[in-house]
N, C-alpha and C. Protein backbone atom coordinates (compact mmCIF):
# COMPACT_ATOMS: atom_id res chain seq x y z
N UNK A 1 10.15 38.98 -31.96
CA UNK A 1 10.65 38.30 -30.86
C UNK A 1 9.86 37.29 -30.20
N UNK A 2 10.08 36.24 -30.22
CA UNK A 2 9.16 34.83 -29.93
C UNK A 2 8.97 34.34 -28.75
N UNK A 3 8.16 33.67 -27.72
CA UNK A 3 8.15 33.07 -26.93
C UNK A 3 9.19 32.25 -26.38
N UNK A 4 9.45 31.51 -27.41
CA UNK A 4 10.43 30.53 -27.35
C UNK A 4 11.97 31.11 -27.60
N UNK A 5 12.35 32.27 -28.28
CA UNK A 5 13.28 32.92 -27.51
C UNK A 5 13.16 33.63 -26.28
N UNK A 6 12.74 34.22 -25.92
CA UNK A 6 12.43 34.87 -24.60
C UNK A 6 12.59 33.57 -23.49
N UNK A 7 12.08 32.27 -23.75
CA UNK A 7 12.21 31.40 -22.53
C UNK A 7 13.72 30.55 -22.50
N UNK A 8 14.19 30.54 -23.88
CA UNK A 8 15.60 30.39 -24.08
C UNK A 8 16.65 31.58 -23.34
N UNK A 9 16.48 33.13 -23.46
CA UNK A 9 17.53 33.94 -23.07
C UNK A 9 17.35 33.42 -21.57
N UNK A 10 15.67 33.50 -20.91
CA UNK A 10 15.26 33.10 -19.62
C UNK A 10 16.18 32.07 -18.88
N UNK A 11 16.44 31.11 -19.80
CA UNK A 11 17.24 29.86 -19.09
C UNK A 11 18.30 29.86 -19.55
N UNK A 12 19.32 30.51 -19.83
CA UNK A 12 20.34 30.33 -20.10
C UNK A 12 20.64 31.74 -19.05
N UNK A 13 20.04 32.35 -18.80
CA UNK A 13 20.44 33.75 -17.70
C UNK A 13 20.45 32.82 -15.97
N UNK A 14 19.47 31.87 -16.27
CA UNK A 14 19.45 31.68 -14.87
C UNK A 14 20.31 30.10 -14.57
N UNK A 15 20.75 29.37 -15.84
CA UNK A 15 21.91 28.62 -15.93
C UNK A 15 23.30 29.41 -15.43
N UNK A 16 23.24 30.62 -16.31
CA UNK A 16 24.55 31.67 -15.50
C UNK A 16 24.97 32.27 -14.14
N UNK A 17 23.70 32.25 -13.55
CA UNK A 17 23.41 32.84 -12.13
C UNK A 17 24.00 31.39 -11.63
N UNK A 18 23.74 30.18 -11.83
CA UNK A 18 23.74 28.99 -11.00
C UNK A 18 25.19 28.98 -11.21
N UNK A 19 25.67 28.99 -12.48
CA UNK A 19 27.29 28.43 -12.52
C UNK A 19 27.95 29.61 -11.67
N UNK A 20 27.89 30.57 -11.73
CA UNK A 20 28.38 31.71 -10.78
C UNK A 20 28.21 31.61 -9.40
N UNK A 21 26.57 31.69 -8.89
CA UNK A 21 26.67 31.61 -7.62
C UNK A 21 27.00 30.14 -7.02
N UNK A 22 26.99 28.82 -7.52
CA UNK A 22 27.12 28.06 -7.03
C UNK A 22 28.15 27.53 -6.35
N UNK A 23 29.39 27.71 -6.64
CA UNK A 23 30.11 27.97 -6.11
C UNK A 23 30.28 28.40 -4.21
N UNK A 24 30.16 29.58 -4.63
CA UNK A 24 29.87 30.27 -3.42
C UNK A 24 29.04 29.71 -2.36
N UNK A 25 27.76 29.46 -2.54
CA UNK A 25 26.85 28.99 -2.06
C UNK A 25 27.50 27.52 -1.66
N UNK A 26 28.17 26.53 -2.36
CA UNK A 26 28.27 25.27 -1.73
C UNK A 26 29.54 25.57 -0.62
N UNK A 27 30.30 26.17 -0.46
CA UNK A 27 31.48 26.53 -0.46
C UNK A 27 30.68 27.04 1.00
N UNK A 28 29.75 28.07 0.78
CA UNK A 28 29.47 28.62 2.36
C UNK A 28 28.68 27.92 3.15
N UNK A 29 27.65 26.76 2.25
CA UNK A 29 26.84 25.64 3.14
C UNK A 29 27.82 24.83 3.71
N UNK A 30 29.01 24.12 3.33
CA UNK A 30 30.05 23.38 3.64
C UNK A 30 30.40 23.82 4.93
N UNK A 31 30.99 25.14 5.08
CA UNK A 31 31.51 25.96 6.12
C UNK A 31 30.43 25.88 6.97
N UNK A 32 29.39 26.27 7.02
CA UNK A 32 28.10 26.60 7.80
C UNK A 32 27.97 25.20 8.51
N UNK A 33 27.92 24.10 8.03
CA UNK A 33 27.66 22.89 8.15
C UNK A 33 28.60 22.17 9.35
N UNK A 34 30.03 22.03 8.98
CA UNK A 34 30.89 21.93 9.49
C UNK A 34 31.02 23.00 10.93
N UNK A 35 30.94 24.44 11.10
CA UNK A 35 30.87 24.77 12.36
C UNK A 35 29.60 24.95 12.88
N UNK A 36 28.39 24.36 12.14
CA UNK A 36 27.34 24.07 13.37
C UNK A 36 27.41 22.70 13.90
N UNK A 37 28.32 21.62 13.21
CA UNK A 37 28.56 20.56 14.00
C UNK A 37 29.78 20.66 14.70
N UNK A 38 30.47 21.60 15.16
CA UNK A 38 31.37 22.03 16.10
C UNK A 38 30.79 22.59 17.06
N UNK A 39 29.85 23.45 16.90
CA UNK A 39 29.23 24.15 17.74
C UNK A 39 28.62 23.31 18.75
N UNK A 40 27.73 22.18 17.89
CA UNK A 40 26.84 21.30 18.27
C UNK A 40 27.61 20.56 19.59
N UNK A 41 29.07 19.87 18.89
CA UNK A 41 29.51 19.40 19.94
C UNK A 41 30.35 20.04 20.80
N UNK A 42 30.60 21.19 20.78
CA UNK A 42 31.16 22.13 22.06
C UNK A 42 30.02 22.72 22.97
N UNK A 43 29.11 23.05 21.91
CA UNK A 43 28.04 23.49 23.14
C UNK A 43 28.34 25.18 23.26
N UNK A 44 29.29 25.60 22.25
CA UNK A 44 29.28 27.06 22.05
C UNK A 44 27.86 27.71 21.45
N UNK A 45 27.42 28.55 21.47
CA UNK A 45 26.11 29.11 21.19
C UNK A 45 26.57 30.43 20.63
N UNK A 46 28.12 30.74 20.05
CA UNK A 46 28.21 31.86 19.59
C UNK A 46 27.72 32.59 17.90
N UNK A 47 27.21 33.60 17.77
CA UNK A 47 26.93 33.66 16.73
C UNK A 47 27.50 33.87 15.30
N UNK A 48 28.48 34.83 16.00
CA UNK A 48 29.24 35.25 15.06
C UNK A 48 30.94 34.42 14.69
N UNK A 49 30.68 33.18 15.26
CA UNK A 49 31.77 32.16 15.31
C UNK A 49 31.48 31.75 13.29
N UNK A 50 30.13 32.01 12.88
CA UNK A 50 29.57 30.94 11.92
C UNK A 50 30.05 32.20 10.77
N UNK A 51 29.89 33.20 10.62
CA UNK A 51 30.34 34.56 10.28
C UNK A 51 31.57 34.76 9.40
N UNK A 52 32.49 34.80 10.67
CA UNK A 52 33.78 35.01 9.48
C UNK A 52 34.54 33.70 9.15
N UNK A 53 34.44 32.35 9.64
CA UNK A 53 34.61 31.49 8.27
C UNK A 53 34.17 31.31 7.21
N UNK A 54 32.78 31.80 7.53
CA UNK A 54 32.26 31.85 5.94
C UNK A 54 32.47 32.73 4.75
N UNK A 55 33.10 34.17 5.61
CA UNK A 55 33.36 35.12 4.82
C UNK A 55 34.84 34.80 4.48
N UNK A 56 35.67 34.18 5.07
CA UNK A 56 36.86 33.69 4.84
C UNK A 56 37.02 32.96 3.88
N UNK A 57 35.75 31.73 3.44
CA UNK A 57 35.87 30.72 2.36
C UNK A 57 35.29 31.62 1.33
N UNK A 58 34.64 32.21 1.30
CA UNK A 58 33.67 32.92 0.19
C UNK A 58 34.69 34.10 -0.61
N UNK A 59 35.44 34.61 0.00
CA UNK A 59 36.70 35.41 -0.32
C UNK A 59 37.89 34.55 -1.24
N UNK A 60 37.93 33.28 0.03
CA UNK A 60 39.14 32.63 -0.71
C UNK A 60 38.47 32.03 -2.42
N UNK A 61 37.03 31.64 -2.71
CA UNK A 61 36.49 30.53 -3.52
C UNK A 61 36.63 31.91 -4.50
N UNK A 62 36.55 33.28 -4.15
CA UNK A 62 36.22 34.40 -5.37
C UNK A 62 37.64 34.79 -6.17
N UNK A 63 38.79 34.37 -5.01
CA UNK A 63 40.38 34.81 -5.63
C UNK A 63 40.62 33.78 -6.62
N UNK A 64 40.18 32.25 -6.11
CA UNK A 64 40.52 31.39 -7.12
C UNK A 64 39.58 30.86 -8.48
N UNK A 65 38.25 31.10 -8.14
CA UNK A 65 37.37 31.10 -9.06
C UNK A 65 37.06 32.30 -9.92
N UNK A 66 37.43 33.41 -9.38
CA UNK A 66 36.70 34.86 -9.96
C UNK A 66 37.08 34.99 -11.51
N UNK A 67 38.58 34.43 -11.97
CA UNK A 67 38.52 34.56 -13.45
C UNK A 67 37.58 33.97 -14.20
N UNK A 68 37.04 32.63 -13.97
CA UNK A 68 36.11 31.64 -14.46
C UNK A 68 34.78 32.16 -14.10
N UNK A 69 34.79 32.86 -13.29
CA UNK A 69 33.30 33.31 -13.01
C UNK A 69 33.18 34.63 -14.07
N UNK A 70 33.94 35.25 -14.02
CA UNK A 70 33.95 36.38 -14.82
C UNK A 70 33.83 36.25 -16.39
N UNK A 71 34.64 35.21 -16.63
CA UNK A 71 34.67 34.50 -18.32
C UNK A 71 33.23 34.48 -18.86
N UNK A 72 32.19 33.17 -17.53
CA UNK A 72 31.42 32.67 -18.13
C UNK A 72 30.30 34.32 -18.25
N UNK A 73 30.22 34.98 -17.04
CA UNK A 73 29.10 36.15 -16.69
C UNK A 73 29.81 36.96 -18.23
N UNK A 74 30.78 37.58 -18.72
CA UNK A 74 31.18 37.68 -19.96
C UNK A 74 30.88 37.24 -21.07
N UNK A 75 30.70 35.97 -21.40
CA UNK A 75 30.42 35.16 -22.27
C UNK A 75 28.86 35.41 -22.79
N UNK A 76 28.14 35.37 -21.29
CA UNK A 76 26.71 35.51 -21.61
C UNK A 76 26.26 36.60 -21.93
N UNK A 77 27.20 37.45 -21.19
CA UNK A 77 26.80 39.04 -21.81
C UNK A 77 26.99 39.47 -23.05
N UNK A 78 28.25 39.06 -23.85
CA UNK A 78 28.60 39.38 -25.11
C UNK A 78 27.67 38.60 -25.81
N UNK A 79 26.82 37.52 -25.90
CA UNK A 79 26.16 36.59 -26.41
C UNK A 79 24.94 37.39 -26.38
N UNK A 80 24.16 37.52 -25.45
CA UNK A 80 23.31 38.37 -25.26
C UNK A 80 23.28 39.93 -26.22
N UNK A 81 24.25 40.39 -26.01
CA UNK A 81 24.24 41.88 -26.90
C UNK A 81 24.72 41.60 -28.79
N UNK A 82 25.20 40.39 -28.97
CA UNK A 82 25.51 40.03 -30.40
C UNK A 82 23.75 39.65 -30.86
N UNK A 83 22.90 39.50 -29.78
CA UNK A 83 21.75 38.78 -30.50
C UNK A 83 20.54 40.29 -30.84
N UNK A 84 20.72 41.24 -30.25
CA UNK A 84 20.12 42.31 -29.88
C UNK A 84 19.57 42.86 -31.38
N UNK A 85 20.81 42.81 -32.18
CA UNK A 85 20.41 43.67 -33.70
C UNK A 85 19.70 42.54 -34.58
N UNK A 86 19.48 41.28 -33.99
CA UNK A 86 18.75 39.94 -34.97
C UNK A 86 17.02 40.42 -34.30
N UNK A 87 17.09 40.91 -33.27
CA UNK A 87 15.63 40.48 -33.07
C UNK A 87 14.84 41.27 -33.57
N UNK A 88 15.21 42.47 -34.25
CA UNK A 88 14.06 42.61 -35.13
C UNK A 88 12.80 43.86 -34.57
N UNK A 89 13.38 44.46 -33.29
CA UNK A 89 12.49 45.17 -32.43
C UNK A 89 12.42 46.38 -33.10
């Protein structure tokens, strides 16, 4: 196993994590920003006000994009397991 191959595997792993976590984080950030703007304009400083909308949006994104995320993760795992016999360890 060469260093180039290890770097390739690490790069693919980071790319897969970003693909899976990206939509969830983006949705959470957008909702958090909207709630923060609402709190700033109305001067309501309730800490739990941000938690519930973020949770709802994350669950909606998981329901809608869950199969796509699972396919990405399954493809990465299958490719990783298929390369193990060729490593020659």
